[in-house]
Structure formats: C-alpha cells, structure tokens
Amino acid sequence: MKLNHLVKGSMILSMVASTALYATNGDTLVGVGAKTRSMGGAGIAFSHGAESTLVNPALITYVDDTEISFGGTIFMPDIHTSLTANTQNGPVTDEADSDADLSMIPAVAIVSHLDNGVHIGAGMYGTAGMGTDFRGLGPSNWMPGNSKLFDMETTLQLMQFVVPVAYKTGGLSIGIAPIVQYGSLDIHYVMHGQNGQPGTVSPGQKQDFGFGANIGMTYDFGNGLSVGAMYKSKVKMDYGNTLRAAAAPFGIQLDGHLDQPAEFGIGLGWRSGPHGIAIDWKRIQWSHAAGYEDFDWDDQDVFAIGYQYDAGTWSVRVGYNHGKTPINLSDGSTQQGAAKDMFNLLGFPATAEDHITAGGSYQFSKNFSADFTVVYALNEKHSANVGGAFGYPAQAVTIKNEHKELGLTVQLNYKF
C-alpha cells in the first residue's frame, strides 16, 4: 500500500514543468519547500517532513507513514541596472528595470516509511537559476550602433529530481539521494559590429542533464536537541556553444561548462514543547565550479536561523538568511576584467545577501495541512568601473545594479 502511494506520487512529479526562475544565495534558492524557506532556509538538522528530501535526505526518517507535499513559489525579483559613460559633457546613462520580474517555481515531494527503519521517497524541485531581460529599450544614449544595455536577455533554469533513501537506528539517521539535474541556458544580446551596424549575439538555448548525489546524517539526542550534516556533490553541466559564443566578443574564452557547485554544511535543531529553533551553516563552492570560477565567483558561506511556534492546529515561523554575494569584482581597466563585471552585474546579478522570512501552517484535518511563506531579500547596491571593456580607462564607464526580491510560497501537504 505504501509503495502504491509512492508510485502515484511519482506520476504526479512527472507532470511538473520547469520554468525560468531566480535565486538568492548565488543562483540557489534560500531553502526548498515552504517550511524550510519560512525559517530562513535552515533545515539541515530540523525536519520539515517530505520537503526535507533535498535539504538533508536523512531527515525523511521523521515521516511516520506516507506524506506528500506539493507547492510552488511566485518569485518577483526587482532589478535595476544602469551603464554610465563619464564624458567631457558630463555623465550619460542607459538604465532600465529588468522585465524578468515574475517566475513560478514548482516543488513536489513524497516520502514513505517502509519497514525496519527504512524510508524512501521522490522529489522534483526548481532549485536554482537567474537571469535578466533588458530587450526593446531602443538605441543607446552614448554607444553609437548599440542598444541600451545591449538588449541583454539571459535565462538559466535548473531543476533537480531526487530519489532519497534513508535509514534510522536509535537516534542516528543516514540518507542518500541520487540527483538528476536538468539545466537550460539562453543568452541574447546586441553588440556593435565592425561594419558599424549592430549585430545580434544569440547562440540559442542549450539544455543538458547532469548527475550528482546528496548525502546526509542526523543524530537526535532524545532531549529535543539534534545535529546534522550534509554534502551535495558538484553537478557537471555543458551548455556548449551557448556559453562560448556569448563570452567570445568580450574576449572571454570558455569551454561551455557551467557546473552546479558542491555544497556542504552542518546544522543544529532544538525543540521544546511548542518552540523550535534551527541554525545552519553551509558553504557553496562556486570557485571550484567550471564557468563560475571563470567569472571569478568566490566560495560563499551561508548562515541561516529560524524559529517555529507550533500550537498544534496552527504554527508560525520566522527566519533570517545571510550569504555574501559570490561575485568578486575584477580589474575594470582590462577588457577581460571589465567584461566579467559587466556580465555578472548585467546578465547574472547574483547580488542578494540578506533575507527576512516568515510563514505559517494550518492543520485542516488529521491528514491535510497547508503552508504559506514570504521571503524578502533586502535591497543591495553594487557597482563596478568597466571602462576597459570599451578601450577606455576603468573610471570612464560605470555599471550599477540594484537588486531586491520578494517570494511567496504556498504548499499543500497530505498524510496517508
């Protein structure tokens, strides 16, 4: 009977489609699932039921029977970018808000408790991505033959499918989740050609599949305190000519790989009566992932803390998440250094750092509950001198980026 529920749940998973999305810790979401997101993304040692499959697979051992969670996030980034030339007659600016300001991110998971402490599940999630859209702005105010902000349009979409298996004995739980990742990358922009006419750089959308694994463990001391650790392997992705051709006009030589980096972290969970606290630290190894290391991304330390008050039929949660942007600005006096800064801040502005989260749940019946979460990323401002990309001194041209985000998540849960 339990395996039957698992098969039916897997059929539901296959109907979920990937959509363009953005993210917050670099290009990865702050938490996966409504409960985790409402506690600042903390969940390495604090179980949130079926949705824990991609955070720490060992935590699915806290599911008593069979549980399915299905939901989605409406993601609304607000990105404003300007490119200013400091001319003899004063500054001249091209600026706009990105039209890529609304995305839908799916998440679905099912977990079933078998016999002898064994749990198995399946999950499919939009996990990471980013992009901007500055098309249709008209001619540049200071670059003859070019469009404002180069008509830049970028989209990176990532979705992961996992099948976690976990085992619990006493207070110790261990789990592993093989990962199949789908990725799609599209880059489009218009650049001044040698003949004086604008030329479109649009290698086309490229898709790829990659494979990895997520392993984790937790230990419950039996007094409300638990600890956990997880490691997610790097997933190699090859977007071929899409990445190579887009970077070449700026003098950046790439081999087409844009790997999803490895992550590892530890967590602490505590429950006492209606109160619960989760604290996580994890490191995302951007500097060891092909593509990101070529754009000088640094490794990122992410800190998350969340509080939960569970009154039985209802619960509320709040949280905070911080991760310094992995974007490391280059030498803007060189063509390649300035080009990297422009690509990062114009096409892939992974600049959000501080996030405030809140949410709640309501238990409609013994079997059915619903979760709601709000995640707000505080406004961040970043700038770089990029004159070297145009053959000028670095200070001659400045790019500025402002970035804030709002995410609304709704999730439905059913226990069999």
Protein backbone atom coordinates (compact mmCIF):
# COMPACT_ATOMS: atom_id res chain seq x y z
CA MET A 1 0.00 0.00 0.00
CA LYS A 2 2.79 2.42 0.90
CA LEU A 3 4.67 1.64 -2.33
CA ASN A 4 1.41 2.25 -4.19
CA HIS A 5 1.25 5.77 -2.75
CA LEU A 6 4.87 6.31 -3.78
CA VAL A 7 4.20 5.25 -7.37
CA LYS A 8 1.16 7.55 -7.60
CA GLY A 9 3.20 10.41 -6.21
CA SER A 10 5.95 9.81 -8.75
CA MET A 11 3.37 10.07 -11.53
CA ILE A 12 2.41 13.50 -10.20
CA LEU A 13 6.08 14.50 -10.20
CA SER A 14 6.39 13.78 -13.90
CA MET A 15 3.74 16.39 -14.69
CA VAL A 16 5.72 19.27 -13.15
CA ALA A 17 7.39 21.53 -15.72
CA SER A 18 10.49 23.67 -15.24
CA THR A 19 10.08 27.42 -15.57
CA ALA A 20 12.52 30.29 -15.59
CA LEU A 21 13.46 31.31 -12.09
CA TYR A 22 15.77 33.38 -9.99
CA ALA A 23 17.55 32.70 -6.75
CA THR A 24 19.13 34.22 -3.71
CA ASN A 25 22.31 32.54 -2.37
CA GLY A 26 24.30 32.96 -5.57
CA ASP A 27 21.97 31.21 -8.01
CA THR A 28 20.47 28.78 -5.46
CA LEU A 29 17.22 29.25 -3.61
CA VAL A 30 17.01 30.12 0.07
CA GLY A 31 15.53 26.80 1.13
CA VAL A 32 13.41 24.31 -0.77
CA GLY A 33 9.83 23.93 0.46
CA ALA A 34 7.58 26.34 2.35
CA LYS A 35 8.55 25.39 5.91
CA THR A 36 12.29 25.48 5.25
CA ARG A 37 12.03 28.82 3.44
CA SER A 38 9.98 30.37 6.25
CA MET A 39 12.79 29.53 8.71
CA GLY A 40 15.46 31.30 6.67
CA GLY A 41 16.38 28.16 4.74
CA ALA A 42 17.51 26.36 7.92
CA GLY A 43 16.77 22.63 7.83
CA ILE A 44 19.93 20.51 7.99
CA ALA A 45 19.05 19.22 11.47
CA PHE A 46 15.37 20.25 11.71
CA SER A 47 12.89 18.03 9.89
CA HIS A 48 10.16 19.57 7.77
CA GLY A 49 8.63 16.30 6.59
CA ALA A 50 8.62 15.29 2.94
CA GLU A 51 10.11 18.60 1.79
CA SER A 52 13.40 17.73 3.55
CA THR A 53 14.33 15.35 0.72
CA LEU A 54 16.67 17.84 -0.97
CA VAL A 55 17.93 19.64 2.15
CA ASN A 56 19.16 16.61 4.12
CA PRO A 57 17.86 13.21 2.97
CA ALA A 58 18.45 11.72 6.44
CA LEU A 59 15.56 13.83 7.77
CA ILE A 60 12.91 11.92 5.83
CA THR A 61 13.12 9.31 8.63
CA TYR A 62 10.92 11.66 10.69
CA VAL A 63 7.94 10.88 8.41
CA ASP A 64 5.74 8.34 10.25
CA ASP A 65 3.83 6.79 7.34
CA THR A 66 3.46 8.36 3.88
CA GLU A 67 3.44 12.09 3.20
CA ILE A 68 3.21 14.14 0.01
CA SER A 69 3.90 17.86 -0.34
CA PHE A 70 3.04 19.88 -3.43
CA GLY A 71 3.53 23.61 -3.88
CA GLY A 72 5.10 26.47 -5.72
CA THR A 73 6.79 29.82 -5.28
CA ILE A 74 5.88 33.01 -7.08
CA PHE A 75 9.19 34.80 -7.35
CA MET A 76 9.34 38.55 -8.02
CA PRO A 77 12.85 40.00 -8.36
CA ASP A 78 13.24 43.75 -8.80
CA ILE A 79 16.46 44.52 -10.70
CA HIS A 80 17.54 47.97 -11.87
CA THR A 81 20.74 48.38 -13.89
CA SER A 82 22.49 51.44 -15.30
CA LEU A 83 25.53 51.87 -17.55
CA THR A 84 27.02 55.37 -17.39
CA ALA A 85 29.71 56.97 -19.54
CA ASN A 86 31.56 59.85 -17.90
CA THR A 87 32.00 62.10 -20.96
CA GLN A 88 33.52 65.57 -21.32
CA ASN A 89 29.98 66.97 -21.32
CA GLY A 90 29.04 65.11 -18.15
CA PRO A 91 27.64 61.65 -17.40
CA VAL A 92 25.34 59.99 -19.95
CA THR A 93 23.35 56.98 -18.77
CA ASP A 94 21.47 54.00 -20.16
CA GLU A 95 19.28 52.45 -17.46
CA ALA A 96 16.22 50.25 -17.05
CA ASP A 97 14.35 47.80 -14.85
CA SER A 98 14.63 44.17 -15.88
CA ASP A 99 11.42 42.77 -17.40
CA ALA A 100 12.27 39.32 -16.00
CA ASP A 101 10.34 40.12 -12.83
CA LEU A 102 7.99 37.17 -12.34
CA SER A 103 8.64 33.43 -12.20
CA MET A 104 6.87 30.32 -10.96
CA ILE A 105 9.00 27.73 -9.14
CA PRO A 106 7.49 24.24 -8.57
CA ALA A 107 8.24 21.86 -5.72
CA VAL A 108 6.79 18.42 -5.02
CA ALA A 109 7.93 15.53 -2.83
CA ILE A 110 6.65 12.25 -1.46
CA VAL A 111 8.13 10.09 1.31
CA SER A 112 7.02 6.68 2.58
CA HIS A 113 8.10 4.77 5.69
CA LEU A 114 8.74 1.13 4.84
CA ASP A 115 9.81 -1.47 7.40
CA ASN A 116 12.80 -1.79 9.74
CA GLY A 117 13.61 1.92 9.83
CA VAL A 118 13.87 2.33 6.05
CA HIS A 119 12.33 5.35 4.30
CA ILE A 120 12.18 6.06 0.57
CA GLY A 121 10.91 9.00 -1.41
CA ALA A 122 10.99 11.07 -4.58
CA GLY A 123 11.13 14.78 -5.19
CA MET A 124 11.30 17.30 -8.00
CA TYR A 125 12.19 20.93 -7.40
CA GLY A 126 13.14 24.10 -9.16
CA THR A 127 16.39 24.62 -7.26
CA ALA A 128 18.39 27.38 -8.91
CA GLY A 129 18.57 29.87 -11.73
CA MET A 130 18.83 33.51 -12.62
CA GLY A 131 18.53 35.98 -15.46
CA THR A 132 17.56 39.43 -16.69
CA ASP A 133 15.64 40.93 -19.61
CA PHE A 134 16.58 44.35 -20.99
CA ARG A 135 15.25 43.89 -24.53
CA GLY A 136 13.44 46.57 -26.53
CA LEU A 137 14.87 49.66 -24.82
CA GLY A 138 15.89 51.43 -28.03
CA PRO A 139 19.24 52.94 -29.11
CA SER A 140 21.91 53.67 -26.53
CA ASN A 141 22.37 57.26 -25.40
CA TRP A 142 26.16 57.05 -25.69
CA MET A 143 27.17 53.92 -27.66
CA PRO A 144 26.55 54.52 -31.40
CA GLY A 145 25.19 51.43 -33.12
CA ASN A 146 24.32 49.71 -29.84
CA SER A 147 21.07 49.22 -27.98
CA LYS A 148 20.61 50.33 -24.39
CA LEU A 149 22.17 47.77 -22.05
CA PHE A 150 22.96 45.71 -25.19
CA ASP A 151 19.36 44.36 -25.30
CA MET A 152 20.71 41.79 -22.82
CA GLU A 153 18.46 38.82 -22.05
CA THR A 154 19.69 35.83 -20.04
CA THR A 155 17.93 32.80 -18.58
CA LEU A 156 19.38 29.97 -16.52
CA GLN A 157 16.91 27.30 -15.37
CA LEU A 158 17.78 24.39 -13.09
CA MET A 159 15.58 21.58 -11.81
CA GLN A 160 16.57 18.55 -9.76
CA PHE A 161 14.87 15.16 -9.44
CA VAL A 162 15.91 13.09 -6.42
CA VAL A 163 15.10 9.65 -5.02
CA PRO A 164 16.19 9.66 -1.35
CA VAL A 165 16.68 6.52 0.72
CA ALA A 166 17.26 6.80 4.47
CA TYR A 167 17.71 4.50 7.44
CA LYS A 168 17.19 5.19 11.14
CA THR A 169 18.52 3.24 14.10
CA GLY A 170 18.15 4.69 17.56
CA GLY A 171 18.91 8.40 17.35
CA LEU A 172 21.05 8.09 14.21
CA SER A 173 19.65 8.68 10.73
CA ILE A 174 21.61 8.47 7.49
CA GLY A 175 20.39 9.15 3.97
CA ILE A 176 21.46 9.40 0.36
CA ALA A 177 19.66 10.96 -2.58
CA PRO A 178 20.90 10.41 -6.16
CA ILE A 179 20.31 13.57 -8.21
CA VAL A 180 19.34 14.02 -11.85
CA GLN A 181 19.60 17.69 -12.82
CA TYR A 182 18.04 19.37 -15.85
CA GLY A 183 19.53 22.68 -16.96
CA SER A 184 18.74 25.20 -19.66
CA LEU A 185 20.79 28.27 -20.59
CA ASP A 186 19.93 31.04 -23.04
CA ILE A 187 21.91 34.25 -23.63
CA HIS A 188 20.98 37.01 -26.11
CA TYR A 189 22.41 40.48 -26.65
CA VAL A 190 23.12 43.00 -29.42
CA MET A 191 26.65 44.39 -29.90
CA HIS A 192 28.16 46.98 -32.24
CA GLY A 193 29.77 45.19 -35.21
CA GLN A 194 32.96 46.01 -37.12
CA ASN A 195 30.87 47.28 -40.04
CA GLY A 196 29.26 49.91 -37.83
CA GLN A 197 25.97 48.03 -37.63
CA PRO A 198 24.61 46.29 -34.55
CA GLY A 199 24.97 42.52 -34.60
CA THR A 200 22.93 40.05 -32.60
CA VAL A 201 24.74 37.51 -30.44
CA SER A 202 22.26 34.72 -29.79
CA PRO A 203 23.75 31.21 -29.91
CA GLY A 204 20.38 29.72 -28.96
CA GLN A 205 19.11 27.82 -25.97
CA LYS A 206 21.14 24.83 -24.84
CA GLN A 207 19.91 22.11 -22.50
CA ASP A 208 21.80 19.44 -20.60
CA PHE A 209 21.40 16.78 -17.93
CA GLY A 210 23.84 16.17 -15.10
CA PHE A 211 24.14 13.75 -12.21
CA GLY A 212 25.17 14.01 -8.59
CA ALA A 213 24.25 12.94 -5.08
CA ASN A 214 23.23 14.41 -1.75
CA ILE A 215 24.22 12.58 1.43
CA GLY A 216 23.36 13.48 4.99
CA MET A 217 23.13 12.37 8.58
CA THR A 218 21.40 13.50 11.76
CA TYR A 219 21.60 12.47 15.37
CA ASP A 220 18.71 13.01 17.79
CA PHE A 221 19.88 13.10 21.41
CA GLY A 222 16.36 12.42 22.66
CA ASN A 223 16.13 15.61 24.74
CA GLY A 224 14.93 17.91 21.96
CA LEU A 225 18.42 18.54 20.58
CA SER A 226 19.56 17.24 17.20
CA VAL A 227 22.59 17.82 14.98
CA GLY A 228 23.01 17.23 11.27
CA ALA A 229 25.44 17.39 8.38
CA MET A 230 25.07 17.20 4.61
CA TYR A 231 27.15 17.13 1.43
CA LYS A 232 25.85 17.71 -2.08
CA SER A 233 28.23 16.86 -4.91
CA LYS A 234 29.07 19.07 -7.86
CA VAL A 235 26.89 18.51 -10.93
CA LYS A 236 28.72 18.92 -14.24
CA MET A 237 26.75 20.75 -16.95
CA ASP A 238 27.83 21.54 -20.52
CA TYR A 239 25.97 24.29 -22.40
CA GLY A 240 28.35 24.14 -25.36
CA ASN A 241 28.33 26.99 -27.83
CA THR A 242 25.69 28.99 -25.94
CA LEU A 243 28.22 29.99 -23.29
CA ARG A 244 31.29 30.04 -25.56
CA ALA A 245 29.77 32.24 -28.26
CA ALA A 246 28.21 34.67 -25.77
CA ALA A 247 31.51 35.28 -23.97
CA ALA A 248 33.81 35.40 -27.02
CA PRO A 249 33.04 39.01 -28.18
CA PHE A 250 34.18 40.23 -24.76
CA GLY A 251 37.48 38.37 -25.03
CA ILE A 252 36.48 35.68 -22.52
CA GLN A 253 37.43 32.14 -23.54
CA LEU A 254 35.18 29.42 -22.06
CA ASP A 255 34.75 25.72 -22.77
CA GLY A 256 30.96 25.74 -22.37
CA HIS A 257 30.75 24.22 -18.88
CA LEU A 258 28.67 25.84 -16.14
CA ASP A 259 28.73 23.30 -13.32
CA GLN A 260 26.46 23.48 -10.30
CA PRO A 261 28.86 23.68 -7.34
CA ALA A 262 29.26 21.30 -4.44
CA GLU A 263 27.78 22.26 -1.08
CA PHE A 264 28.43 21.06 2.46
CA GLY A 265 27.02 22.18 5.78
CA ILE A 266 26.15 21.46 9.39
CA GLY A 267 23.05 22.25 11.39
CA LEU A 268 21.59 22.35 14.88
CA GLY A 269 17.95 21.74 15.77
CA TRP A 270 16.16 22.17 19.08
CA ARG A 271 12.54 21.54 20.08
CA SER A 272 10.90 22.12 23.46
CA GLY A 273 7.13 22.00 23.67
CA PRO A 274 5.72 24.35 21.02
CA HIS A 275 9.09 26.03 20.42
CA GLY A 276 11.65 25.08 17.79
CA ILE A 277 14.93 26.63 16.64
CA ALA A 278 17.06 25.69 13.62
CA ILE A 279 20.56 27.03 12.89
CA ASP A 280 22.54 26.15 9.74
CA TRP A 281 25.87 26.94 8.16
CA LYS A 282 26.83 25.78 4.69
CA ARG A 283 29.50 26.56 2.12
CA ILE A 284 28.78 26.73 -1.60
CA GLN A 285 31.96 26.12 -3.61
CA TRP A 286 31.48 28.47 -6.56
CA SER A 287 35.24 28.92 -7.06
CA HIS A 288 35.59 25.19 -7.74
CA ALA A 289 32.79 25.02 -10.35
CA ALA A 290 33.61 25.43 -14.05
CA GLY A 291 32.05 28.56 -15.51
CA TYR A 292 31.57 30.31 -12.20
CA GLU A 293 35.29 30.17 -11.46
CA ASP A 294 35.91 31.65 -14.92
CA PHE A 295 33.78 34.64 -13.89
CA ASP A 296 35.73 34.95 -10.62
CA TRP A 297 32.95 33.86 -8.25
CA ASP A 298 34.13 33.24 -4.68
CA ASP A 299 33.04 30.44 -2.35
CA GLN A 300 30.03 31.51 -0.30
CA ASP A 301 29.34 30.97 3.40
CA VAL A 302 25.60 30.94 4.11
CA PHE A 303 24.18 31.36 7.61
CA ALA A 304 20.52 30.64 8.39
CA ILE A 305 18.48 30.75 11.57
CA GLY A 306 14.78 30.10 12.09
CA TYR A 307 12.22 29.92 14.88
CA GLN A 308 8.96 27.96 14.95
CA TYR A 309 5.99 28.12 17.31
CA ASP A 310 3.74 25.09 16.89
CA ALA A 311 0.35 25.32 18.58
CA GLY A 312 -0.94 22.05 17.13
CA THR A 313 -3.57 23.10 14.61
CA TRP A 314 -1.52 26.10 13.55
CA SER A 315 2.11 27.21 13.60
CA VAL A 316 4.13 30.31 12.75
CA ARG A 317 7.76 30.64 11.67
CA VAL A 318 10.29 33.42 11.15
CA GLY A 319 13.87 33.35 9.92
CA TYR A 320 16.92 35.16 8.63
CA ASN A 321 19.45 34.16 5.97
CA HIS A 322 22.75 35.80 5.06
CA GLY A 323 25.24 34.95 2.36
CA LYS A 324 27.72 37.47 0.99
CA THR A 325 27.46 37.73 -2.79
CA PRO A 326 29.91 35.38 -4.52
CA ILE A 327 30.58 37.94 -7.25
CA ASN A 328 34.18 39.12 -6.99
CA LEU A 329 34.79 42.30 -8.98
CA SER A 330 37.74 42.24 -11.38
CA ASP A 331 40.18 44.85 -12.70
CA GLY A 332 37.98 47.16 -14.74
CA SER A 333 40.94 48.64 -16.62
CA THR A 334 41.40 45.43 -18.62
CA GLN A 335 39.00 44.28 -21.31
CA GLN A 336 38.51 40.84 -19.82
CA GLY A 337 38.16 42.03 -16.22
CA ALA A 338 35.64 44.72 -17.17
CA ALA A 339 33.73 42.26 -19.38
CA LYS A 340 33.38 39.81 -16.48
CA ASP A 341 32.00 42.55 -14.23
CA MET A 342 29.50 43.58 -16.92
CA PHE A 343 28.34 40.01 -17.49
CA ASN A 344 27.94 39.46 -13.76
CA LEU A 345 26.05 42.67 -12.96
CA LEU A 346 24.09 42.99 -16.22
CA GLY A 347 23.25 39.39 -17.10
CA PHE A 348 23.68 37.35 -13.91
CA PRO A 349 23.33 39.69 -10.90
CA ALA A 350 23.57 37.21 -8.03
CA THR A 351 23.90 40.07 -5.55
CA ALA A 352 21.19 39.41 -2.92
CA GLU A 353 22.71 38.90 0.54
CA ASP A 354 20.24 39.39 3.42
CA HIS A 355 16.81 37.77 3.58
CA ILE A 356 13.94 38.11 6.05
CA THR A 357 11.46 35.21 6.07
CA ALA A 358 8.11 34.46 7.71
CA GLY A 359 5.34 31.93 7.30
CA GLY A 360 2.81 29.68 8.90
CA SER A 361 0.83 26.46 8.63
CA TYR A 362 -2.73 25.40 9.33
CA GLN A 363 -3.87 21.82 10.01
CA PHE A 364 -7.30 21.45 8.39
CA SER A 365 -7.64 17.80 9.41
CA LYS A 366 -5.57 14.90 10.70
CA ASN A 367 -4.28 14.30 7.18
CA PHE A 368 -4.34 17.66 5.39
CA SER A 369 -2.40 20.89 6.05
CA ALA A 370 -1.29 23.98 4.16
CA ASP A 371 1.78 26.21 4.44
CA PHE A 372 2.39 29.82 3.40
CA THR A 373 5.73 31.66 3.29
CA VAL A 374 7.04 35.13 2.45
CA VAL A 375 10.73 35.69 1.68
CA TYR A 376 12.08 39.20 1.19
CA ALA A 377 15.64 39.94 0.07
CA LEU A 378 16.77 43.39 1.18
CA ASN A 379 17.85 45.87 -1.47
CA GLU A 380 21.50 45.53 -2.48
CA LYS A 381 23.54 48.04 -4.48
CA HIS A 382 26.70 47.09 -6.36
CA SER A 383 28.81 48.93 -8.92
CA ALA A 384 31.96 48.45 -10.96
CA ASN A 385 34.17 50.55 -13.22
CA VAL A 386 34.18 48.83 -16.61
CA GLY A 387 35.81 51.30 -19.00
CA GLY A 388 38.34 48.67 -20.04
CA ALA A 389 35.62 46.80 -21.94
CA PHE A 390 35.31 49.79 -24.29
CA GLY A 391 39.00 50.65 -24.57
CA TYR A 392 38.78 53.49 -22.02
CA PRO A 393 40.24 53.96 -18.53
CA ALA A 394 38.28 51.96 -15.94
CA GLN A 395 36.55 55.02 -14.41
CA ALA A 396 35.25 56.20 -17.81
CA VAL A 397 32.30 53.78 -17.68
CA THR A 398 30.42 52.60 -14.59
CA ILE A 399 27.82 49.87 -14.24
CA LYS A 400 25.46 49.94 -11.25
CA ASN A 401 22.97 47.33 -10.10
CA GLU A 402 20.17 47.46 -7.53
CA HIS A 403 18.53 44.18 -6.60
CA LYS A 404 15.76 43.16 -4.21
CA GLU A 405 13.43 40.17 -4.21
CA LEU A 406 10.05 39.02 -2.96
CA GLY A 407 8.94 35.39 -2.94
CA LEU A 408 5.53 33.95 -1.98
CA THR A 409 5.26 30.20 -1.41
CA VAL A 410 2.14 28.07 -0.95
CA GLN A 411 2.37 24.36 -0.17
CA LEU A 412 -0.22 21.64 0.43
CA ASN A 413 0.58 18.52 2.46
CA TYR A 414 -1.28 15.24 2.79
CA LYS A 415 -0.52 12.29 5.07
CA PHE A 416 -1.85 8.86 4.17
